[in-house]
Amino acid sequence: MKGEQTPLIKARVCPTQNNNGNPLSKAHPESPFSYVRGSANCRTPRWTTANSFEIICNFNEAVDSYLWSQARMKDRVQTDNAPSAIGPYSQAIKAGGFVFASGQIPLDPATGQLITGTIAQQTERVLNNLKAVLEAAGSSLDRVVKTTVFLKDMNDFAEMNETYGKFFGEVPPARSTVEAARLPRDARVEIDVIALL
C-alpha cells in the first residue's frame, strides 16, 4: 500500500572480517564477495529492513562456507634447516591454525647423518631440528601445545628430560613419553610436536 512503512528489525551485521582480522570488502583480494553490507563493527546491532536482513543472512552463510573451506586446507612445510623427509611424508603440515610436525630424530640437517653421543646431545639435536621446522611454518617452540617423546630405553628419561626442559618456557606443552623397541636409524630418541600458528 502507498505510504505503508517497511517494518524495521534489529540485527547484528557480522562478520566483516576474515580469519586474519582483515575486512572482507571489494578491495580485499581474499574476499569472494562483490561488496560488504553492514557495520564495520559486527558487535554493534543496527536497524535494518526485513529484506536487508535476508541479504545479511545470506552473506553470513557465504562467509561461513568460505571460512570453513579455508579451515579445511592444508599446507606443506619444507626447510633446509632441518633434515629432509626420507619417505612419503612432510616435515610438517599447517592446517586449522596448527602445525603438525613429523617426528624428528637426531640427524644433522647438513649431512643427513645421525648424531652419535649422549642422549642429551641427541635430544638437543632433535629439538633444534623441530625448532627449525616450526620457524619455517611461522610458529615456534613457545607455541607448542603437545609433544610425544619416543625413547629407545626408558632409562634415558632423566637425562633426556633435563635437556628437553631447557627448550620450553614456564608453560611447557602437554607430553607423552613412551619406550619404543626400535627407532629409525637406531636413534635413541624421537620427538614430534603440535604447535599453534
Protein backbone atom coordinates (compact mmCIF):
# COMPACT_ATOMS: atom_id res chain seq x y z
CA MET A 1 0.00 0.00 0.00
CA LYS A 2 1.08 3.51 -0.75
CA GLY A 3 2.55 5.22 2.26
CA GLU A 4 2.94 1.94 4.18
CA GLN A 5 6.19 1.83 6.12
CA THR A 6 8.55 -1.14 5.90
CA PRO A 7 8.91 -2.67 9.40
CA LEU A 8 12.34 -2.40 10.95
CA ILE A 9 14.13 -5.18 12.80
CA LYS A 10 17.35 -5.11 14.77
CA ALA A 11 20.14 -7.40 13.54
CA ARG A 12 23.84 -7.95 14.03
CA VAL A 13 25.69 -7.32 10.77
CA CYS A 14 28.51 -9.81 11.08
CA PRO A 15 31.09 -10.97 10.15
CA THR A 16 33.02 -8.29 8.30
CA GLN A 17 36.46 -9.79 8.85
CA ASN A 18 38.35 -12.90 7.76
CA ASN A 19 40.46 -15.17 9.99
CA ASN A 20 43.34 -12.69 9.90
CA GLY A 21 41.20 -9.82 11.12
CA ASN A 22 41.17 -8.10 7.72
CA PRO A 23 37.93 -6.54 6.44
CA LEU A 24 36.10 -8.51 3.78
CA SER A 25 35.44 -5.93 1.09
CA LYS A 26 35.50 -5.50 -2.66
CA ALA A 27 39.06 -4.21 -2.45
CA HIS A 28 40.26 -7.13 -0.37
CA PRO A 29 41.87 -9.85 -2.54
CA GLU A 30 40.69 -12.68 -0.27
CA SER A 31 37.04 -11.68 -0.45
CA PRO A 32 34.85 -13.84 -2.71
CA PHE A 33 32.08 -11.24 -2.47
CA SER A 34 31.37 -8.12 -4.50
CA TYR A 35 30.62 -5.92 -1.51
CA VAL A 36 30.13 -5.92 2.23
CA ARG A 37 26.82 -4.89 3.68
CA GLY A 38 26.72 -3.59 7.21
CA SER A 39 28.63 -2.04 10.08
CA ALA A 40 32.41 -2.24 10.36
CA ASN A 41 31.90 -3.33 13.95
CA CYS A 42 29.91 -6.55 13.94
CA ARG A 43 29.34 -6.28 17.69
CA THR A 44 27.09 -3.24 17.14
CA PRO A 45 23.48 -4.07 16.16
CA ARG A 46 21.80 -1.66 13.78
CA TRP A 47 18.26 -1.17 12.49
CA THR A 48 17.56 -2.62 9.06
CA THR A 49 14.66 -3.77 6.91
CA ALA A 50 13.49 -7.37 6.61
CA ASN A 51 14.78 -7.55 3.01
CA SER A 52 18.18 -6.24 4.08
CA PHE A 53 18.24 -8.76 6.90
CA GLU A 54 17.73 -11.59 4.41
CA ILE A 55 20.69 -10.31 2.37
CA ILE A 56 22.78 -10.15 5.53
CA CYS A 57 21.87 -13.72 6.49
CA ASN A 58 22.76 -14.99 3.01
CA PHE A 59 26.03 -13.10 3.19
CA ASN A 60 26.85 -14.62 6.58
CA GLU A 61 26.16 -18.11 5.25
CA ALA A 62 28.52 -17.44 2.34
CA VAL A 63 31.22 -16.19 4.72
CA ASP A 64 30.82 -19.25 6.94
CA SER A 65 31.18 -21.52 3.89
CA TYR A 66 34.28 -19.64 2.73
CA LEU A 67 35.96 -19.73 6.15
CA TRP A 68 35.11 -23.42 6.57
CA SER A 69 36.76 -24.21 3.23
CA GLN A 70 39.83 -22.24 4.34
CA ALA A 71 39.96 -24.19 7.61
CA ARG A 72 39.98 -27.48 5.68
CA MET A 73 43.03 -26.52 3.62
CA LYS A 74 46.49 -27.83 4.47
CA ASP A 75 49.93 -26.56 3.53
CA ARG A 76 53.21 -28.43 3.46
CA VAL A 77 56.20 -27.08 5.42
CA GLN A 78 59.68 -27.58 3.97
CA THR A 79 63.00 -26.15 5.16
CA ASP A 80 66.66 -26.92 4.50
CA ASN A 81 67.44 -26.06 8.12
CA ALA A 82 66.07 -29.43 9.23
CA PRO A 83 66.59 -32.96 7.89
CA SER A 84 64.67 -33.66 4.70
CA ALA A 85 61.84 -36.14 4.79
CA ILE A 86 63.20 -39.59 3.94
CA GLY A 87 59.87 -41.12 3.00
CA PRO A 88 56.34 -40.28 1.82
CA TYR A 89 55.68 -37.66 4.48
CA SER A 90 56.22 -33.95 5.11
CA GLN A 91 58.43 -32.25 7.67
CA ALA A 92 55.23 -30.64 8.89
CA ILE A 93 51.71 -29.74 7.82
CA LYS A 94 49.87 -26.50 8.59
CA ALA A 95 46.13 -26.97 8.98
CA GLY A 96 43.31 -25.48 11.01
CA GLY A 97 45.52 -22.98 12.83
CA PHE A 98 48.01 -25.63 13.95
CA VAL A 99 51.37 -27.03 12.85
CA PHE A 100 51.68 -30.81 12.97
CA ALA A 101 55.40 -31.62 12.87
CA SER A 102 56.60 -35.10 11.97
CA GLY A 103 58.83 -36.93 14.40
CA GLN A 104 62.45 -35.82 14.29
CA ILE A 105 65.44 -37.96 15.13
CA PRO A 106 68.96 -36.59 15.77
CA LEU A 107 70.03 -36.13 12.16
CA ASP A 108 72.43 -33.39 11.15
CA PRO A 109 70.50 -31.37 8.54
CA ALA A 110 73.74 -30.52 6.71
CA THR A 111 74.91 -34.11 6.25
CA GLY A 112 71.83 -36.21 6.87
CA GLN A 113 73.89 -38.34 9.24
CA LEU A 114 72.85 -39.48 12.70
CA ILE A 115 74.43 -37.56 15.57
CA THR A 116 76.19 -40.00 17.87
CA GLY A 117 76.82 -39.23 21.52
CA THR A 118 74.85 -38.97 24.73
CA ILE A 119 71.09 -38.92 24.96
CA ALA A 120 71.40 -35.25 25.95
CA GLN A 121 73.24 -34.44 22.71
CA GLN A 122 70.74 -36.39 20.64
CA THR A 123 67.78 -34.72 22.37
CA GLU A 124 69.29 -31.28 21.74
CA ARG A 125 69.72 -32.04 18.04
CA VAL A 126 66.13 -33.31 17.77
CA LEU A 127 64.70 -30.19 19.39
CA ASN A 128 66.83 -27.88 17.25
CA ASN A 129 65.50 -29.70 14.18
CA LEU A 130 61.94 -29.22 15.39
CA LYS A 131 62.64 -25.57 16.14
CA ALA A 132 63.76 -25.03 12.53
CA VAL A 133 60.65 -26.73 11.16
CA LEU A 134 58.32 -24.71 13.37
CA GLU A 135 60.02 -21.43 12.47
CA ALA A 136 59.68 -22.30 8.78
CA ALA A 137 55.96 -22.76 9.42
CA GLY A 138 55.66 -19.40 11.15
CA SER A 139 55.46 -20.84 14.65
CA SER A 140 57.95 -21.58 17.43
CA LEU A 141 58.70 -23.90 20.34
CA ASP A 142 56.93 -21.41 22.63
CA ARG A 143 53.69 -22.17 20.79
CA VAL A 144 53.92 -25.96 21.11
CA VAL A 145 50.86 -27.45 22.83
CA LYS A 146 51.65 -31.19 22.66
CA THR A 147 54.73 -33.37 22.25
CA THR A 148 55.34 -37.09 22.06
CA VAL A 149 58.76 -38.41 23.05
CA PHE A 150 59.88 -41.87 21.94
CA LEU A 151 62.85 -43.36 23.79
CA LYS A 152 64.75 -46.48 22.88
CA ASP A 153 65.49 -47.01 26.57
CA MET A 154 63.35 -45.50 29.35
CA ASN A 155 66.49 -45.44 31.50
CA ASP A 156 67.47 -42.40 29.39
CA PHE A 157 64.41 -40.47 30.59
CA ALA A 158 66.08 -38.33 33.27
CA GLU A 159 68.91 -37.16 31.00
CA MET A 160 66.54 -36.54 28.12
CA ASN A 161 64.15 -34.67 30.40
CA GLU A 162 66.85 -32.32 31.67
CA THR A 163 67.80 -31.27 28.13
CA TYR A 164 64.18 -31.15 26.99
CA GLY A 165 63.28 -28.74 29.78
CA LYS A 166 65.78 -26.15 28.53
CA PHE A 167 63.81 -25.67 25.30
CA PHE A 168 60.45 -24.81 26.82
CA GLY A 169 59.32 -21.89 28.96
CA GLU A 170 57.25 -21.56 32.09
CA VAL A 171 54.22 -23.17 30.45
CA PRO A 172 55.60 -26.36 28.87
CA PRO A 173 53.38 -28.30 26.47
CA ALA A 174 51.46 -31.43 27.31
CA ARG A 175 53.62 -34.50 26.74
CA SER A 176 53.57 -38.26 26.35
CA THR A 177 56.74 -40.33 26.71
CA VAL A 178 56.91 -43.94 25.55
CA GLU A 179 59.60 -46.55 25.14
CA ALA A 180 59.91 -47.94 21.62
CA ALA A 181 61.58 -51.22 20.73
CA ARG A 182 63.42 -49.58 17.85
CA LEU A 183 63.56 -46.11 16.27
CA PRO A 184 64.58 -45.09 12.71
CA ARG A 185 68.35 -45.23 12.11
CA ASP A 186 68.63 -46.83 15.58
CA ALA A 187 68.31 -43.38 17.16
CA ARG A 188 67.87 -43.21 20.91
CA VAL A 189 65.19 -40.54 20.83
CA GLU A 190 62.48 -39.21 18.51
CA ILE A 191 60.09 -36.35 19.21
CA ASP A 192 57.06 -34.98 17.35
CA VAL A 193 55.08 -31.84 18.21
CA ILE A 194 51.83 -30.00 17.61
CA ALA A 195 52.01 -26.20 17.78
CA LEU A 196 49.77 -23.19 17.33
CA LEU A 197 50.38 -20.96 14.33
